[in-house]
């Protein structure tokens, strides 16, 4: 059973993140409402303060979709 103090700490961290990054949270909620489907391409780009960029992407597979569903069911 999770420690209630740890849960409260995580909730505080979540609230702080949402307050600091509302556009990103909105983006995640929009993606979650439509779901991730096989064939979707996920892409992440990190831009350093120097301007250097690193990008990675992946095409979602049926196994990935199944994993996301399994994670949703952990609630």
PDB file of N, CA and C in Angstrom:
ATOM      1  N   UNK A   1       0.847  -1.180   0.000  1.00  0.00           N
ATOM      2  CA  UNK A   1       0.000   0.000   0.000  1.00  0.00           C
ATOM      3  C   UNK A   1       0.892   1.243   0.000  1.00  0.00           C
ATOM      4  N   UNK A   2       0.649   2.201  -0.890  1.00  0.00           N
ATOM      5  CA  UNK A   2       1.467   3.415  -0.955  1.00  0.00           C
ATOM      6  C   UNK A   2       1.335   4.249   0.319  1.00  0.00           C
ATOM      7  N   UNK A   3       2.416   4.885   0.675  1.00  0.00           N
ATOM      8  CA  UNK A   3       2.455   5.767   1.823  1.00  0.00           C
ATOM      9  C   UNK A   3       1.641   7.023   1.498  1.00  0.00           C
ATOM     10  N   UNK A   4       0.656   7.388   2.344  1.00  0.00           N
ATOM     11  CA  UNK A   4      -0.156   8.583   2.078  1.00  0.00           C
ATOM     12  C   UNK A   4       0.682   9.861   1.927  1.00  0.00           C
ATOM     13  N   UNK A   5       1.763   9.979   2.682  1.00  0.00           N
ATOM     14  CA  UNK A   5       2.619  11.166   2.558  1.00  0.00           C
ATOM     15  C   UNK A   5       3.263  11.220   1.174  1.00  0.00           C
ATOM     16  N   UNK A   6       3.660  10.065   0.655  1.00  0.00           N
ATOM     17  CA  UNK A   6       4.250  10.020  -0.692  1.00  0.00           C
ATOM     18  C   UNK A   6       3.217  10.396  -1.750  1.00  0.00           C
ATOM     19  N   UNK A   7       1.981   9.944  -1.564  1.00  0.00           N
ATOM     20  CA  UNK A   7       0.914  10.275  -2.509  1.00  0.00           C
ATOM     21  C   UNK A   7       0.654  11.782  -2.500  1.00  0.00           C
ATOM     22  N   UNK A   8       0.624  12.367  -1.317  1.00  0.00           N
ATOM     23  CA  UNK A   8       0.414  13.813  -1.209  1.00  0.00           C
ATOM     24  C   UNK A   8       1.562  14.577  -1.872  1.00  0.00           C
ATOM     25  N   UNK A   9       2.783  14.088  -1.701  1.00  0.00           N
ATOM     26  CA  UNK A   9       3.947  14.722  -2.328  1.00  0.00           C
ATOM     27  C   UNK A   9       3.826  14.662  -3.850  1.00  0.00           C
ATOM     28  N   UNK A  10       3.453  13.496  -4.375  1.00  0.00           N
ATOM     29  CA  UNK A  10       3.288  13.342  -5.826  1.00  0.00           C
ATOM     30  C   UNK A  10       2.187  14.245  -6.358  1.00  0.00           C
ATOM     31  N   UNK A  11       1.092  14.363  -5.619  1.00  0.00           N
ATOM     32  CA  UNK A  11      -0.008  15.232  -6.055  1.00  0.00           C
ATOM     33  C   UNK A  11       0.456  16.689  -6.099  1.00  0.00           C
ATOM     34  N   UNK A  12       1.259  17.100  -5.119  1.00  0.00           N
ATOM     35  CA  UNK A  12       1.803  18.456  -5.120  1.00  0.00           C
ATOM     36  C   UNK A  12       2.711  18.695  -6.312  1.00  0.00           C
ATOM     37  N   UNK A  13       3.543  17.701  -6.624  1.00  0.00           N
ATOM     38  CA  UNK A  13       4.442  17.813  -7.777  1.00  0.00           C
ATOM     39  C   UNK A  13       3.635  17.901  -9.071  1.00  0.00           C
ATOM     40  N   UNK A  14       2.583  17.081  -9.165  1.00  0.00           N
ATOM     41  CA  UNK A  14       1.713  17.097 -10.351  1.00  0.00           C
ATOM     42  C   UNK A  14       1.066  18.473 -10.513  1.00  0.00           C
ATOM     43  N   UNK A  15       0.527  19.007  -9.432  1.00  0.00           N
ATOM     44  CA  UNK A  15      -0.123  20.318  -9.489  1.00  0.00           C
ATOM     45  C   UNK A  15       0.859  21.415  -9.893  1.00  0.00           C
ATOM     46  N   UNK A  16       2.072  21.352  -9.372  1.00  0.00           N
ATOM     47  CA  UNK A  16       3.098  22.350  -9.708  1.00  0.00           C
ATOM     48  C   UNK A  16       3.453  22.248 -11.194  1.00  0.00           C
ATOM     49  N   UNK A  17       3.609  21.014 -11.704  1.00  0.00           N
ATOM     50  CA  UNK A  17       3.922  20.809 -13.123  1.00  0.00           C
ATOM     51  C   UNK A  17       2.815  21.374 -13.995  1.00  0.00           C
ATOM     52  N   UNK A  18       1.553  21.066 -13.638  1.00  0.00           N
ATOM     53  CA  UNK A  18       0.412  21.555 -14.425  1.00  0.00           C
ATOM     54  C   UNK A  18       0.358  23.077 -14.430  1.00  0.00           C
ATOM     55  N   UNK A  19       0.689  23.688 -13.303  1.00  0.00           N
ATOM     56  CA  UNK A  19       0.683  25.149 -13.206  1.00  0.00           C
ATOM     57  C   UNK A  19       1.809  25.769 -14.037  1.00  0.00           C
ATOM     58  N   UNK A  20       2.946  25.104 -14.061  1.00  0.00           N
ATOM     59  CA  UNK A  20       4.113  25.626 -14.781  1.00  0.00           C
ATOM     60  C   UNK A  20       4.047  25.393 -16.284  1.00  0.00           C
ATOM     61  N   UNK A  21       3.325  24.361 -16.716  1.00  0.00           N
ATOM     62  CA  UNK A  21       3.326  23.956 -18.127  1.00  0.00           C
ATOM     63  C   UNK A  21       1.906  23.684 -18.640  1.00  0.00           C
ATOM     64  N   UNK A  22       1.015  24.669 -18.559  1.00  0.00           N
ATOM     65  CA  UNK A  22      -0.392  24.408 -18.937  1.00  0.00           C
ATOM     66  C   UNK A  22      -0.583  23.997 -20.396  1.00  0.00           C
ATOM     67  N   UNK A  23       0.214  24.530 -21.318  1.00  0.00           N
ATOM     68  CA  UNK A  23       0.051  24.158 -22.735  1.00  0.00           C
ATOM     69  C   UNK A  23       0.404  22.693 -22.963  1.00  0.00           C
ATOM     70  N   UNK A  24       1.464  22.222 -22.278  1.00  0.00           N
ATOM     71  CA  UNK A  24       1.864  20.822 -22.429  1.00  0.00           C
ATOM     72  C   UNK A  24       0.798  19.907 -21.835  1.00  0.00           C
ATOM     73  N   UNK A  25       0.268  20.270 -20.675  1.00  0.00           N
ATOM     74  CA  UNK A  25      -0.778  19.467 -20.037  1.00  0.00           C
ATOM     75  C   UNK A  25      -2.017  19.417 -20.931  1.00  0.00           C
ATOM     76  N   UNK A  26      -2.370  20.544 -21.535  1.00  0.00           N
ATOM     77  CA  UNK A  26      -3.504  20.579 -22.457  1.00  0.00           C
ATOM     78  C   UNK A  26      -3.258  19.667 -23.652  1.00  0.00           C
ATOM     79  N   UNK A  27      -2.042  19.687 -24.182  1.00  0.00           N
ATOM     80  CA  UNK A  27      -1.666  18.822 -25.304  1.00  0.00           C
ATOM     81  C   UNK A  27      -1.832  17.354 -24.924  1.00  0.00           C
ATOM     82  N   UNK A  28      -1.334  16.977 -23.752  1.00  0.00           N
ATOM     83  CA  UNK A  28      -1.417  15.584 -23.299  1.00  0.00           C
ATOM     84  C   UNK A  28      -2.884  15.171 -23.129  1.00  0.00           C
ATOM     85  N   UNK A  29      -3.692  16.056 -22.567  1.00  0.00           N
ATOM     86  CA  UNK A  29      -5.121  15.743 -22.394  1.00  0.00           C
ATOM     87  C   UNK A  29      -5.798  15.557 -23.746  1.00  0.00           C
ATOM     88  N   UNK A  30      -5.444  16.383 -24.723  1.00  0.00           N
ATOM     89  CA  UNK A  30      -6.026  16.265 -26.066  1.00  0.00           C
ATOM     90  C   UNK A  30      -5.633  14.931 -26.695  1.00  0.00           C
ATOM     91  N   UNK A  31      -4.366  14.569 -26.586  1.00  0.00           N
ATOM     92  CA  UNK A  31      -3.897  13.291 -27.140  1.00  0.00           C
ATOM     93  C   UNK A  31      -4.610  12.140 -26.440  1.00  0.00           C
ATOM     94  N   UNK A  32      -4.733  12.227 -25.121  1.00  0.00           N
ATOM     95  CA  UNK A  32      -5.375  11.153 -24.360  1.00  0.00           C
ATOM     96  C   UNK A  32      -6.845  11.000 -24.753  1.00  0.00           C
ATOM     97  N   UNK A  33      -7.502  12.115 -25.051  1.00  0.00           N
ATOM     98  CA  UNK A  33      -8.924  12.024 -25.401  1.00  0.00           C
ATOM     99  C   UNK A  33      -9.137  11.341 -26.748  1.00  0.00           C
ATOM    100  N   UNK A  34      -8.171  11.442 -27.637  1.00  0.00           N
ATOM    101  CA  UNK A  34      -8.280  10.800 -28.945  1.00  0.00           C
ATOM    102  C   UNK A  34      -7.649   9.407 -28.955  1.00  0.00           C
ATOM    103  N   UNK A  35      -6.788   9.141 -27.988  1.00  0.00           N
ATOM    104  CA  UNK A  35      -6.127   7.848 -27.895  1.00  0.00           C
ATOM    105  C   UNK A  35      -4.931   7.747 -28.825  1.00  0.00           C
ATOM    106  N   UNK A  36      -4.152   6.730 -28.590  1.00  0.00           N
ATOM    107  CA  UNK A  36      -2.993   6.413 -29.429  1.00  0.00           C
ATOM    108  C   UNK A  36      -3.388   5.181 -30.237  1.00  0.00           C
ATOM    109  N   UNK A  37      -3.193   5.250 -31.539  1.00  0.00           N
ATOM    110  CA  UNK A  37      -3.582   4.126 -32.384  1.00  0.00           C
ATOM    111  C   UNK A  37      -2.380   3.588 -33.149  1.00  0.00           C
ATOM    112  N   UNK A  38      -2.491   2.344 -33.546  1.00  0.00           N
ATOM    113  CA  UNK A  38      -1.441   1.711 -34.329  1.00  0.00           C
ATOM    114  C   UNK A  38      -1.193   2.541 -35.589  1.00  0.00           C
ATOM    115  N   UNK A  39       0.073   2.796 -35.876  1.00  0.00           N
ATOM    116  CA  UNK A  39       0.443   3.578 -37.048  1.00  0.00           C
ATOM    117  C   UNK A  39       0.726   5.036 -36.736  1.00  0.00           C
ATOM    118  N   UNK A  40       0.241   5.528 -35.571  1.00  0.00           N
ATOM    119  CA  UNK A  40       0.574   6.900 -35.175  1.00  0.00           C
ATOM    120  C   UNK A  40       2.089   7.028 -35.045  1.00  0.00           C
ATOM    121  N   UNK A  41       2.596   8.208 -35.301  1.00  0.00           N
ATOM    122  CA  UNK A  41       4.023   8.470 -35.119  1.00  0.00           C
ATOM    123  C   UNK A  41       4.173   9.467 -33.981  1.00  0.00           C
ATOM    124  N   UNK A  42       4.938   9.062 -32.964  1.00  0.00           N
ATOM    125  CA  UNK A  42       5.243   9.933 -31.837  1.00  0.00           C
ATOM    126  C   UNK A  42       6.638  10.499 -32.054  1.00  0.00           C
ATOM    127  N   UNK A  43       6.773  11.811 -31.878  1.00  0.00           N
ATOM    128  CA  UNK A  43       8.067  12.458 -32.093  1.00  0.00           C
ATOM    129  C   UNK A  43       8.338  13.412 -30.939  1.00  0.00           C
ATOM    130  N   UNK A  44       9.571  13.364 -30.454  1.00  0.00           N
ATOM    131  CA  UNK A  44      10.001  14.248 -29.367  1.00  0.00           C
ATOM    132  C   UNK A  44      11.253  14.971 -29.817  1.00  0.00           C
ATOM    133  N   UNK A  45      11.278  16.286 -29.606  1.00  0.00           N
ATOM    134  CA  UNK A  45      12.464  17.083 -29.904  1.00  0.00           C
ATOM    135  C   UNK A  45      12.877  17.821 -28.640  1.00  0.00           C
ATOM    136  N   UNK A  46      14.148  17.720 -28.300  1.00  0.00           N
ATOM    137  CA  UNK A  46      14.730  18.473 -27.194  1.00  0.00           C
ATOM    138  C   UNK A  46      15.580  19.573 -27.814  1.00  0.00           C
ATOM    139  N   UNK A  47      15.301  20.816 -27.444  1.00  0.00           N
ATOM    140  CA  UNK A  47      16.096  21.945 -27.916  1.00  0.00           C
ATOM    141  C   UNK A  47      16.859  22.514 -26.724  1.00  0.00           C
ATOM    142  N   UNK A  48      18.172  22.433 -26.789  1.00  0.00           N
ATOM    143  CA  UNK A  48      19.034  22.940 -25.712  1.00  0.00           C
ATOM    144  C   UNK A  48      19.083  24.463 -25.761  1.00  0.00           C
ATOM    145  N   UNK A  49      19.446  25.105 -24.649  1.00  0.00           N
ATOM    146  CA  UNK A  49      19.592  26.562 -24.655  1.00  0.00           C
ATOM    147  C   UNK A  49      20.576  27.059 -25.720  1.00  0.00           C
ATOM    148  N   UNK A  50      21.501  26.186 -26.125  1.00  0.00           N
ATOM    149  CA  UNK A  50      22.477  26.542 -27.155  1.00  0.00           C
ATOM    150  C   UNK A  50      21.884  26.491 -28.557  1.00  0.00           C
ATOM    151  N   UNK A  51      20.655  25.947 -28.679  1.00  0.00           N
ATOM    152  CA  UNK A  51      20.028  25.796 -29.987  1.00  0.00           C
ATOM    153  C   UNK A  51      20.181  24.396 -30.559  1.00  0.00           C
ATOM    154  N   UNK A  52      21.042  23.580 -29.949  1.00  0.00           N
ATOM    155  CA  UNK A  52      21.240  22.205 -30.414  1.00  0.00           C
ATOM    156  C   UNK A  52      19.940  21.419 -30.219  1.00  0.00           C
ATOM    157  N   UNK A  53      19.553  20.650 -31.241  1.00  0.00           N
ATOM    158  CA  UNK A  53      18.321  19.863 -31.178  1.00  0.00           C
ATOM    159  C   UNK A  53      18.623  18.375 -31.311  1.00  0.00           C
ATOM    160  N   UNK A  54      17.870  17.593 -30.573  1.00  0.00           N
ATOM    161  CA  UNK A  54      17.913  16.148 -30.677  1.00  0.00           C
ATOM    162  C   UNK A  54      16.482  15.667 -30.837  1.00  0.00           C
ATOM    163  N   UNK A  55      16.229  14.853 -31.858  1.00  0.00           N
ATOM    164  CA  UNK A  55      14.876  14.383 -32.146  1.00  0.00           C
ATOM    165  C   UNK A  55      14.864  12.868 -32.254  1.00  0.00           C
ATOM    166  N   UNK A  56      13.793  12.267 -31.736  1.00  0.00           N
ATOM    167  CA  UNK A  56      13.579  10.830 -31.882  1.00  0.00           C
ATOM    168  C   UNK A  56      12.099  10.623 -32.172  1.00  0.00           C
ATOM    169  N   UNK A  57      11.788   9.550 -32.892  1.00  0.00           N
ATOM    170  CA  UNK A  57      10.387   9.244 -33.141  1.00  0.00           C
ATOM    171  C   UNK A  57      10.188   7.742 -33.193  1.00  0.00           C
ATOM    172  N   UNK A  58       8.915   7.345 -33.098  1.00  0.00           N
ATOM    173  CA  UNK A  58       8.578   5.927 -33.225  1.00  0.00           C
ATOM    174  C   UNK A  58       7.197   5.799 -33.828  1.00  0.00           C
ATOM    175  N   UNK A  59       6.998   4.722 -34.542  1.00  0.00           N
ATOM    176  CA  UNK A  59       5.675   4.403 -35.095  1.00  0.00           C
ATOM    177  C   UNK A  59       5.023   3.442 -34.099  1.00  0.00           C
ATOM    178  N   UNK A  60       3.814   3.766 -33.656  1.00  0.00           N
ATOM    179  CA  UNK A  60       3.105   2.979 -32.651  1.00  0.00           C
ATOM    180  C   UNK A  60       2.703   1.631 -33.243  1.00  0.00           C
ATOM    181  N   UNK A  61       2.996   0.570 -32.488  1.00  0.00           N
ATOM    182  CA  UNK A  61       2.642  -0.791 -32.901  1.00  0.00           C
ATOM    183  C   UNK A  61       1.431  -1.271 -32.101  1.00  0.00           C
ATOM    184  N   UNK A  62       0.892  -2.405 -32.495  1.00  0.00           N
ATOM    185  CA  UNK A  62      -0.230  -3.005 -31.761  1.00  0.00           C
ATOM    186  C   UNK A  62       0.186  -3.314 -30.328  1.00  0.00           C
ATOM    187  N   UNK A  63       1.428  -3.766 -30.129  1.00  0.00           N
ATOM    188  CA  UNK A  63       1.927  -4.037 -28.776  1.00  0.00           C
ATOM    189  C   UNK A  63       1.962  -2.763 -27.937  1.00  0.00           C
ATOM    190  N   UNK A  64       2.323  -1.641 -28.552  1.00  0.00           N
ATOM    191  CA  UNK A  64       2.352  -0.363 -27.836  1.00  0.00           C
ATOM    192  C   UNK A  64       0.947   0.027 -27.377  1.00  0.00           C
ATOM    193  N   UNK A  65      -0.026  -0.145 -28.268  1.00  0.00           N
ATOM    194  CA  UNK A  65      -1.419   0.179 -27.938  1.00  0.00           C
ATOM    195  C   UNK A  65      -1.889  -0.697 -26.775  1.00  0.00           C
ATOM    196  N   UNK A  66      -1.544  -1.969 -26.819  1.00  0.00           N
ATOM    197  CA  UNK A  66      -1.916  -2.891 -25.744  1.00  0.00           C
ATOM    198  C   UNK A  66      -1.283  -2.461 -24.421  1.00  0.00           C
ATOM    199  N   UNK A  67      -0.012  -2.050 -24.462  1.00  0.00           N
ATOM    200  CA  UNK A  67       0.678  -1.601 -23.258  1.00  0.00           C
ATOM    201  C   UNK A  67      -0.013  -0.374 -22.661  1.00  0.00           C
ATOM    202  N   UNK A  68      -0.391   0.581 -23.500  1.00  0.00           N
ATOM    203  CA  UNK A  68      -1.078   1.790 -23.027  1.00  0.00           C
ATOM    204  C   UNK A  68      -2.393   1.401 -22.363  1.00  0.00           C
ATOM    205  N   UNK A  69      -3.131   0.468 -22.962  1.00  0.00           N
ATOM    206  CA  UNK A  69      -4.387   0.014 -22.365  1.00  0.00           C
ATOM    207  C   UNK A  69      -4.140  -0.649 -21.018  1.00  0.00           C
ATOM    208  N   UNK A  70      -3.107  -1.462 -20.933  1.00  0.00           N
ATOM    209  CA  UNK A  70      -2.769  -2.122 -19.661  1.00  0.00           C
ATOM    210  C   UNK A  70      -2.418  -1.089 -18.585  1.00  0.00           C
ATOM    211  N   UNK A  71      -1.677  -0.046 -18.986  1.00  0.00           N
ATOM    212  CA  UNK A  71      -1.320   1.004 -18.029  1.00  0.00           C
ATOM    213  C   UNK A  71      -2.559   1.755 -17.546  1.00  0.00           C
ATOM    214  N   UNK A  72      -3.500   2.000 -18.450  1.00  0.00           N
ATOM    215  CA  UNK A  72      -4.741   2.682 -18.073  1.00  0.00           C
ATOM    216  C   UNK A  72      -5.516   1.863 -17.041  1.00  0.00           C
ATOM    217  N   UNK A  73      -5.433   0.551 -17.166  1.00  0.00           N
ATOM    218  CA  UNK A  73      -6.192  -0.340 -16.277  1.00  0.00           C
ATOM    219  C   UNK A  73      -5.561  -0.491 -14.898  1.00  0.00           C
ATOM    220  N   UNK A  74      -4.375   0.082 -14.689  1.00  0.00           N
ATOM    221  CA  UNK A  74      -3.712  -0.006 -13.383  1.00  0.00           C
ATOM    222  C   UNK A  74      -4.366   0.884 -12.341  1.00  0.00           C
ATOM    223  N   UNK A  75      -5.217   1.810 -12.742  1.00  0.00           N
ATOM    224  CA  UNK A  75      -5.846   2.739 -11.804  1.00  0.00           C
ATOM    225  C   UNK A  75      -6.495   2.035 -10.718  1.00  0.00           C
TER     226      UNK A  75
END
